[in-house]
Protein backbone atom coordinates (compact mmCIF):
# COMPACT_ATOMS: atom_id res chain seq x y z
CA MET A 1 0.00 -0.01 0.01
CA ALA A 2 1.58 3.25 -1.10
CA ILE A 3 0.95 6.99 -0.84
CA ILE A 4 3.07 9.72 -2.46
CA VAL A 5 3.43 13.00 -0.55
CA GLN A 6 4.73 16.23 -2.13
CA LYS A 7 7.12 18.65 -0.40
CA ASP A 8 4.13 20.70 0.81
CA GLU A 9 3.01 17.61 2.73
CA ARG A 10 -0.10 17.10 0.62
CA VAL A 11 -1.09 13.73 -0.88
CA ALA A 12 -0.27 13.49 -4.56
CA TYR A 13 -1.17 9.84 -5.19
CA ALA A 14 -2.59 6.78 -3.38
CA ASN A 15 -2.82 3.34 -4.95
CA HIS A 16 -5.99 1.21 -4.84
CA ALA A 17 -4.76 -0.90 -1.93
CA ALA A 18 -4.12 2.23 0.18
CA LEU A 19 -7.54 3.66 -0.74
CA ASP A 20 -9.26 0.45 0.25
CA CYS A 21 -7.40 0.17 3.52
CA LEU A 22 -8.16 3.79 4.49
CA GLY A 23 -11.81 3.57 3.49
CA PHE A 24 -11.70 5.78 0.37
CA ASP A 25 -12.82 5.02 -3.15
CA PRO A 26 -11.50 6.25 -6.50
CA THR A 27 -14.21 8.94 -6.70
CA ASP A 28 -13.41 10.22 -3.22
CA ASP A 29 -9.66 9.88 -2.77
CA PRO A 30 -7.35 11.77 -0.38
CA VAL A 31 -5.36 13.47 -3.16
CA GLY A 32 -4.78 17.11 -2.31
CA ARG A 33 -5.36 16.58 1.43
CA PRO A 34 -2.62 17.25 4.00
CA ILE A 35 -0.94 14.00 5.01
CA ALA A 36 -1.65 15.11 8.60
CA ASP A 37 -5.31 14.28 7.98
CA LEU A 38 -4.44 10.60 7.50
CA LEU A 39 -2.37 10.27 10.66
CA GLU A 40 -2.89 10.34 14.38
CA GLU A 41 -1.21 13.50 15.70
CA ARG A 42 1.82 11.88 17.34
CA SER A 43 2.31 9.57 14.35
CA TYR A 44 2.25 12.59 12.05
CA GLU A 45 4.96 14.28 14.13
CA THR A 46 7.11 11.12 13.94
CA LEU A 47 6.64 10.70 10.22
CA ALA A 48 7.09 14.38 9.35
CA SER A 49 10.30 14.69 11.39
CA ASN A 50 11.73 11.80 9.34
CA PHE A 51 10.67 12.53 5.78
CA ARG A 52 11.44 16.24 5.92
CA LYS A 53 15.07 15.19 6.19
CA ALA A 54 14.85 12.65 3.35
CA GLY A 55 16.27 13.56 -0.04
CA PRO A 56 14.95 12.31 -3.40
CA ASP A 57 17.70 9.71 -3.64
CA ASP A 58 17.57 8.34 -0.11
CA ASP A 59 16.99 4.62 0.33
CA GLN A 60 13.75 3.39 1.84
CA PHE A 61 13.90 3.03 5.59
CA PHE A 62 11.64 1.94 8.38
CA CYS A 63 9.82 4.77 10.15
CA GLY A 64 8.01 2.78 12.81
CA ASP A 65 4.65 1.42 13.89
CA LEU A 66 2.35 4.42 13.41
CA LYS A 67 -1.41 4.98 13.61
CA LEU A 68 -3.18 5.95 10.35
CA ARG A 69 -6.59 7.53 10.32
CA ARG A 70 -9.30 6.01 8.13
CA ARG A 71 -11.85 8.19 6.34
CA SER A 72 -14.37 7.34 9.12
CA GLY A 73 -11.97 8.65 11.75
CA ALA A 74 -11.07 5.21 13.17
CA LEU A 75 -7.39 4.53 13.70
CA ILE A 76 -5.47 1.55 12.36
CA ASP A 77 -2.00 0.31 13.29
CA ALA A 78 0.42 0.35 10.40
CA GLU A 79 4.02 -0.61 9.79
CA VAL A 80 5.39 2.31 7.82
CA TYR A 81 8.43 2.70 5.52
CA HIS A 82 9.20 5.78 3.42
CA ALA A 83 11.74 6.87 0.81
CA GLY A 84 12.57 10.05 -1.09
CA ILE A 85 11.55 9.98 -4.75
CA ARG A 86 11.01 12.29 -7.70
CA PHE A 87 7.39 12.69 -8.78
CA HIS A 88 6.38 14.75 -11.83
CA GLY A 89 9.77 16.41 -11.81
CA GLY A 90 9.71 17.45 -8.14
CA GLU A 91 10.92 16.01 -4.85
CA ALA A 92 8.44 13.87 -3.00
CA THR A 93 8.22 11.08 -0.43
CA MET A 94 6.71 7.67 -1.02
CA ILE A 95 5.08 6.12 2.08
CA ASN A 96 4.66 2.37 2.03
CA PHE A 97 2.60 0.89 4.83
CA ARG A 98 1.15 -2.41 5.94
CA ASP A 99 -2.00 -2.72 8.10
CA VAL A 100 -1.00 -4.60 11.24
CA THR A 101 -4.12 -3.82 13.30
CA ALA A 102 -5.23 -7.46 13.52
CA THR A 103 -1.72 -8.55 14.40
CA LYS A 104 -1.47 -5.90 17.12
CA ARG A 105 -4.86 -6.94 18.46
CA MET A 106 -3.84 -10.61 18.55
CA GLU A 107 -0.55 -9.70 20.27
CA GLY A 108 -2.45 -7.65 22.85
CA GLU A 109 -4.93 -10.45 23.45
CA LEU A 110 -2.06 -12.92 23.77
CA ARG A 111 -0.32 -10.71 26.37
CA GLN A 112 -3.59 -10.33 28.20
CA ALA A 113 -4.22 -14.07 28.08
CA GLN A 114 -0.72 -14.76 29.36
CA LYS A 115 -1.19 -12.27 32.18
CA LEU A 116 -4.59 -13.75 33.07
CA GLU A 117 -3.09 -17.22 33.03
CA ALA A 118 -0.48 -16.13 35.53
CA VAL A 119 -3.09 -14.39 37.67
CA GLY A 120 -5.27 -17.47 37.46
CA ARG A 121 -2.49 -19.72 38.69
CA LEU A 122 -1.80 -17.30 41.53
CA ALA A 123 -5.46 -17.13 42.46
CA ALA A 124 -5.75 -20.90 42.39
CA GLY A 125 -2.73 -21.19 44.71
CA ILE A 126 -4.15 -18.56 47.09
CA ALA A 127 -7.53 -20.25 47.11
CA HIS A 128 -5.92 -23.57 47.95
CA GLU A 129 -3.86 -21.99 50.76
CA ILE A 130 -6.84 -20.16 52.19
CA ASN A 131 -9.20 -23.10 52.05
CA THR A 132 -7.55 -25.29 54.72
CA PRO A 133 -7.25 -22.67 57.53
CA ILE A 134 -10.72 -21.37 56.75
CA GLN A 135 -12.10 -24.85 57.23
CA TYR A 136 -10.61 -25.31 60.67
CA ILE A 137 -11.50 -21.74 61.66
CA GLY A 138 -15.07 -22.55 60.66
CA ASP A 139 -15.01 -25.85 62.58
CA SER A 140 -13.57 -24.08 65.64
CA ALA A 141 -16.26 -21.36 65.47
CA GLN A 142 -18.91 -24.02 65.41
CA TYR A 143 -17.32 -25.72 68.42
CA ILE A 144 -17.15 -22.36 70.31
CA ALA A 145 -20.81 -21.76 69.52
CA THR A 146 -21.81 -25.14 70.93
CA THR A 147 -19.54 -24.81 73.96
CA LEU A 148 -20.73 -21.26 74.66
CA ASN A 149 -24.30 -22.44 74.73
CA ASP A 150 -23.30 -25.17 77.18
CA LEU A 151 -21.49 -22.65 79.40
CA LEU A 152 -24.42 -20.25 79.34
CA SER A 153 -26.69 -23.16 80.34
CA LEU A 154 -24.32 -23.96 83.19
CA LEU A 155 -24.39 -20.28 84.18
CA ASP A 156 -28.16 -20.38 84.39
CA LYS A 157 -28.02 -23.39 86.68
CA SER A 158 -25.32 -21.72 88.85
CA ARG A 159 -27.50 -18.67 89.27
CA ALA A 160 -30.44 -20.83 90.20
CA ILE A 161 -28.34 -22.60 92.83
CA ILE A 162 -27.09 -19.27 94.20
CA ALA A 163 -30.67 -18.09 94.47
CA ARG A 164 -31.69 -21.26 96.33
CA LEU A 165 -28.76 -20.96 98.69
CA ALA A 166 -29.76 -17.38 99.46
CA GLU A 167 -33.37 -18.46 100.15
CA HIS A 168 -32.24 -21.12 102.66
CA ALA A 169 -29.71 -18.83 104.38
CA GLY A 170 -26.72 -20.72 103.02
CA ASP A 171 -23.13 -19.64 103.38
CA SER A 172 -23.38 -15.92 102.82
CA ALA A 173 -19.64 -15.61 102.20
CA VAL A 174 -19.74 -18.16 99.35
CA ILE A 175 -22.79 -16.49 97.87
CA ALA A 176 -21.12 -13.09 98.04
CA GLU A 177 -17.96 -14.43 96.44
CA LEU A 178 -19.88 -16.04 93.53
CA SER A 179 -21.93 -12.90 93.01
CA ALA A 180 -18.75 -10.74 92.94
CA ALA A 181 -17.07 -13.06 90.42
CA GLU A 182 -20.17 -12.98 88.19
CA GLU A 183 -20.28 -9.20 88.33
CA SER A 184 -16.56 -8.92 87.57
CA ALA A 185 -16.86 -11.23 84.55
CA ASP A 186 -19.79 -9.14 83.23
CA LEU A 187 -21.63 -12.33 82.34
CA ASP A 188 -24.77 -10.49 81.27
CA TYR A 189 -22.76 -8.76 78.50
CA ALA A 190 -21.12 -12.04 77.57
CA ARG A 191 -24.56 -13.66 77.35
CA SER A 192 -25.83 -10.99 74.95
CA GLN A 193 -22.71 -10.49 72.80
CA GLY A 194 -21.02 -13.89 72.84
CA PRO A 195 -23.49 -15.66 70.54
CA ARG A 196 -23.57 -12.62 68.20
CA SER A 197 -19.78 -12.63 67.94
CA VAL A 198 -19.76 -16.32 67.07
CA ASP A 199 -22.48 -15.74 64.52
CA ARG A 200 -20.36 -13.06 62.90
CA ILE A 201 -17.36 -15.46 62.81
CA VAL A 202 -19.47 -18.15 61.14
CA ASP A 203 -20.92 -15.66 58.67
CA GLY A 204 -17.52 -14.24 57.79
CA VAL A 205 -16.02 -17.71 57.36
CA GLY A 206 -18.96 -18.60 55.12
CA ARG A 207 -18.34 -15.55 52.94
CA VAL A 208 -14.63 -16.32 52.63
CA ALA A 209 -15.46 -19.91 51.75
CA ARG A 210 -17.79 -18.69 48.98
CA ILE A 211 -15.08 -16.43 47.65
CA VAL A 212 -12.56 -19.25 47.68
CA HIS A 213 -14.99 -21.46 45.85
CA ALA A 214 -15.62 -18.77 43.27
CA MET A 215 -11.87 -18.16 42.83
CA LYS A 216 -11.20 -21.85 42.31
CA ALA A 217 -13.98 -22.09 39.72
CA PHE A 218 -12.92 -18.84 38.01
CA SER A 219 -9.24 -19.73 37.77
CA HIS A 220 -9.82 -23.30 36.58
CA PRO A 221 -7.39 -24.01 33.72
CA GLY A 222 -8.92 -23.45 30.29
CA ALA A 223 -10.05 -26.65 28.58
CA GLU A 224 -8.73 -27.51 25.12
CA THR A 225 -12.18 -28.74 24.13
CA PRO A 226 -15.63 -27.30 25.00
CA THR A 227 -16.94 -28.36 28.38
CA PRO A 228 -20.62 -28.49 29.45
CA MET A 229 -20.99 -25.80 32.12
CA ASP A 230 -23.67 -24.19 34.24
CA ILE A 231 -23.73 -20.61 32.94
CA VAL A 232 -25.78 -19.36 35.90
CA LYS A 233 -23.20 -20.70 38.35
CA MET A 234 -20.42 -19.11 36.30
CA LEU A 235 -22.19 -15.75 36.45
CA GLU A 236 -22.81 -16.08 40.21
CA ASP A 237 -19.14 -16.92 40.81
CA THR A 238 -18.07 -13.94 38.69
CA LEU A 239 -20.29 -11.60 40.71
CA VAL A 240 -18.57 -12.86 43.84
CA ILE A 241 -15.14 -12.16 42.32
CA ALA A 242 -16.22 -8.65 41.22
CA GLY A 243 -17.79 -7.94 44.61
CA HIS A 244 -15.11 -5.38 45.58
CA GLU A 245 -15.89 -3.33 42.41
CA LEU A 246 -19.64 -3.43 43.03
CA ARG A 247 -19.94 -3.21 46.79
CA ASP A 248 -19.71 0.58 47.18
CA THR A 249 -21.04 1.42 43.74
CA ALA A 250 -24.19 -0.41 42.82
CA THR A 251 -26.93 -2.70 44.01
CA VAL A 252 -26.76 -5.99 42.13
CA SER A 253 -29.87 -7.91 41.12
CA THR A 254 -30.09 -11.16 39.14
CA GLU A 255 -32.76 -12.88 37.14
CA PHE A 256 -31.79 -16.40 36.09
CA GLU A 257 -33.93 -18.97 34.38
CA LYS A 258 -33.18 -22.68 34.66
CA LEU A 259 -30.80 -23.32 31.75
CA PRO A 260 -29.35 -26.39 30.07
CA ALA A 261 -25.59 -26.94 30.30
CA VAL A 262 -23.76 -24.84 27.70
CA HIS A 263 -20.76 -26.33 25.93
CA CYS A 264 -18.08 -23.66 26.25
CA TYR A 265 -14.53 -22.72 27.13
CA PRO A 266 -15.13 -21.65 30.76
CA GLY A 267 -11.90 -19.74 31.27
CA ASP A 268 -12.58 -17.44 28.34
CA LEU A 269 -16.21 -16.86 29.30
CA ASN A 270 -15.37 -16.21 32.92
CA GLN A 271 -12.95 -13.46 31.86
CA ALA A 272 -15.52 -12.00 29.41
CA PHE A 273 -18.21 -11.93 32.14
CA LEU A 274 -15.79 -10.26 34.59
CA ASN A 275 -14.77 -7.58 32.09
CA LEU A 276 -18.38 -6.73 31.35
CA ILE A 277 -19.46 -6.64 34.96
CA VAL A 278 -16.47 -4.47 35.98
CA ASN A 279 -17.23 -2.13 33.06
CA ALA A 280 -20.79 -1.83 34.33
CA ALA A 281 -19.52 -1.02 37.85
CA HIS A 282 -17.20 1.67 36.47
CA ALA A 283 -19.98 3.17 34.35
CA VAL A 284 -22.21 3.48 37.43
CA ALA A 285 -19.38 5.05 39.41
CA ASP A 286 -18.74 7.60 36.60
CA ARG A 287 -22.31 8.95 36.54
CA PRO A 288 -22.26 12.76 36.76
CA SER A 289 -25.28 12.64 39.10
CA GLN A 290 -25.35 10.22 41.98
CA GLN A 291 -28.92 11.08 43.08
CA GLU A 292 -30.41 7.73 42.03
CA PRO A 293 -28.93 4.53 43.48
CA GLY A 294 -26.57 2.71 41.16
CA THR A 295 -27.79 -0.61 39.82
CA VAL A 296 -26.35 -3.51 37.87
CA LYS A 297 -28.69 -6.25 36.73
CA VAL A 298 -27.46 -9.60 35.36
CA SER A 299 -29.97 -11.94 33.71
CA ALA A 300 -29.82 -15.16 31.68
CA LYS A 301 -32.55 -16.96 29.77
CA LEU A 302 -32.99 -19.59 27.11
CA ASP A 303 -33.52 -18.05 23.67
CA GLY A 304 -34.33 -20.66 21.06
CA THR A 305 -31.18 -22.78 20.56
CA GLY A 306 -28.99 -20.37 22.59
CA VAL A 307 -28.64 -18.62 25.90
CA GLU A 308 -29.10 -14.89 26.10
CA ILE A 309 -27.19 -13.05 28.83
CA ARG A 310 -27.85 -9.41 29.65
CA ILE A 311 -25.64 -7.17 31.88
CA ALA A 312 -27.42 -3.86 32.39
CA ASP A 313 -26.42 -0.74 34.32
CA ASN A 314 -27.82 2.71 34.94
CA GLY A 315 -24.44 4.31 34.50
CA CYS A 316 -23.19 7.18 32.37
CA GLY A 317 -23.91 5.51 29.03
CA MET A 318 -21.98 5.90 25.75
CA THR A 319 -22.06 8.36 22.93
CA PRO A 320 -22.50 7.04 19.34
CA GLU A 321 -18.84 7.93 18.73
CA VAL A 322 -17.66 5.82 21.64
CA GLN A 323 -19.92 2.95 20.59
CA ALA A 324 -18.40 3.03 17.07
CA ARG A 325 -14.94 2.42 18.60
CA LEU A 326 -15.85 -0.11 21.30
CA PHE A 327 -13.79 -2.95 19.89
CA GLU A 328 -10.89 -0.87 18.68
CA PRO A 329 -7.74 -2.23 20.32
CA PHE A 330 -6.38 -0.04 23.15
CA PHE A 331 -9.26 2.47 22.88
CA THR A 332 -10.56 3.41 26.31
CA THR A 333 -12.39 6.29 27.91
CA LYS A 334 -10.99 5.44 31.33
CA GLU A 335 -8.09 7.26 33.00
CA VAL A 336 -4.62 5.71 32.98
CA GLY A 337 -4.38 2.76 35.40
CA ARG A 338 -8.11 2.02 35.26
CA GLY A 339 -8.46 0.58 31.77
CA THR A 340 -6.17 -0.78 29.07
CA GLY A 341 -8.55 -0.67 26.12
CA GLN A 342 -8.27 -4.44 25.70
CA GLY A 343 -11.25 -5.59 27.81
CA LEU A 344 -13.89 -5.57 25.10
CA SER A 345 -11.46 -7.00 22.54
CA VAL A 346 -11.06 -9.94 24.89
CA VAL A 347 -14.87 -10.20 25.25
CA ARG A 348 -15.39 -10.12 21.49
CA ALA A 349 -12.73 -12.75 20.96
CA ALA A 350 -14.29 -15.02 23.57
CA VAL A 351 -17.96 -14.62 22.59
CA ILE A 352 -17.80 -14.24 18.82
CA ASP A 353 -14.49 -15.76 17.64
CA LYS A 354 -14.21 -18.68 20.08
CA HIS A 355 -17.88 -19.53 20.77
CA GLY A 356 -19.65 -18.41 17.59
CA GLY A 357 -21.96 -16.20 19.60
CA THR A 358 -23.17 -12.65 19.13
CA LEU A 359 -22.47 -9.47 21.07
CA ARG A 360 -24.18 -6.08 20.99
CA PHE A 361 -24.72 -3.02 23.16
CA GLU A 362 -27.69 -0.78 23.74
CA SER A 363 -26.67 2.51 25.35
CA LYS A 364 -27.83 6.05 25.88
CA VAL A 365 -25.84 8.85 27.45
CA GLY A 366 -27.04 9.46 30.98
CA SER A 367 -29.33 6.44 31.02
CA GLY A 368 -26.99 3.43 31.12
CA THR A 369 -25.87 0.53 28.96
CA THR A 370 -27.07 -3.01 28.39
CA CYS A 371 -24.71 -5.61 26.96
CA ILE A 372 -26.54 -8.46 25.28
CA LEU A 373 -24.59 -11.55 24.39
CA ARG A 374 -25.86 -14.79 23.02
CA LEU A 375 -24.15 -18.17 23.22
CA PRO A 376 -25.14 -21.35 21.40
CA VAL A 377 -25.93 -24.26 23.73
CA THR A 378 -24.17 -26.74 21.44
CA ALA A 379 -20.41 -27.01 21.21
CA PRO A 380 -18.70 -24.01 19.60
CA PRO A 381 -16.53 -24.54 16.51
CA PRO A 382 -12.98 -25.82 17.05
CA VAL A 383 -10.38 -23.13 17.77
CA GLY A 384 -7.30 -22.96 15.68
């Protein structure tokens, strides 16, 4: 793909391959436009600083991986070379480029997959390490609860005996000593708070156990062949994993129908679900007005021969311009450190490329977004 640029930095010629790649046609070509219109700003600065120095007899040399702008405004990744030439008797620069957008996307997804694999192994190890102590903490809490009830029952009997001794003018010194010891131990407070403390321990242990179970299921090694899975259980486990993102942001509701097992690659779908749920949580947190409570609703139902999953939020919503670039690699509206721009690329690869499903979004600025994905119940096509 080639473009010729004159000394005034305007396009003098573009071949058919370049026109097709950049979204032009022969009746609407970029000839006469500044080359800056076809480049992302920083890429233009890089290219211009190079070819302004190039003479008409310079050899072609590699300029770098730059971002070219299509007629629609979308950016593509390109591997760019350029060389000084003579064109119609004047000095010019020929730019040769190769579209590497798909390659870059695959490289990004591979890096993400490798990172997630490492995180998954770490999470599985942590889950295994946590599971054993949590079990004996839970067993101990149950023992304390039972023993505490026995002790409180013994206390009741002791009090009854003290009362009987007092009625029959028993040893007043012993009675006084027992009464003082009871008062010092603040047994009334222990009676009211002891069982509650144990209940909190049991509840906390139960929550940790659920998190551990969800982590183990989430980080299960990806299968090489489709595996029949309970999609509802996968969504529930993912909501547990994403709990820290949702807890202070939104109220979560679910609506799950009874579904047949879906043949899928669970590791890929778990990551896709997590990305979508975290995106929903971030959208709710980014609302300009926080007057209404934030909500995230996750639903799943049988739809013909497939399963339809919806993840809806009442967050900030998306403009049509943002929606048009949703799956563009590395595009993100989030600040640095909060989003890499790869999340929805991973979702698309998992749902569409790997499972033969569909993925679409319904969104309105200020009203929220609903992600609708559909997965076939039968085994997806082989990957590779």
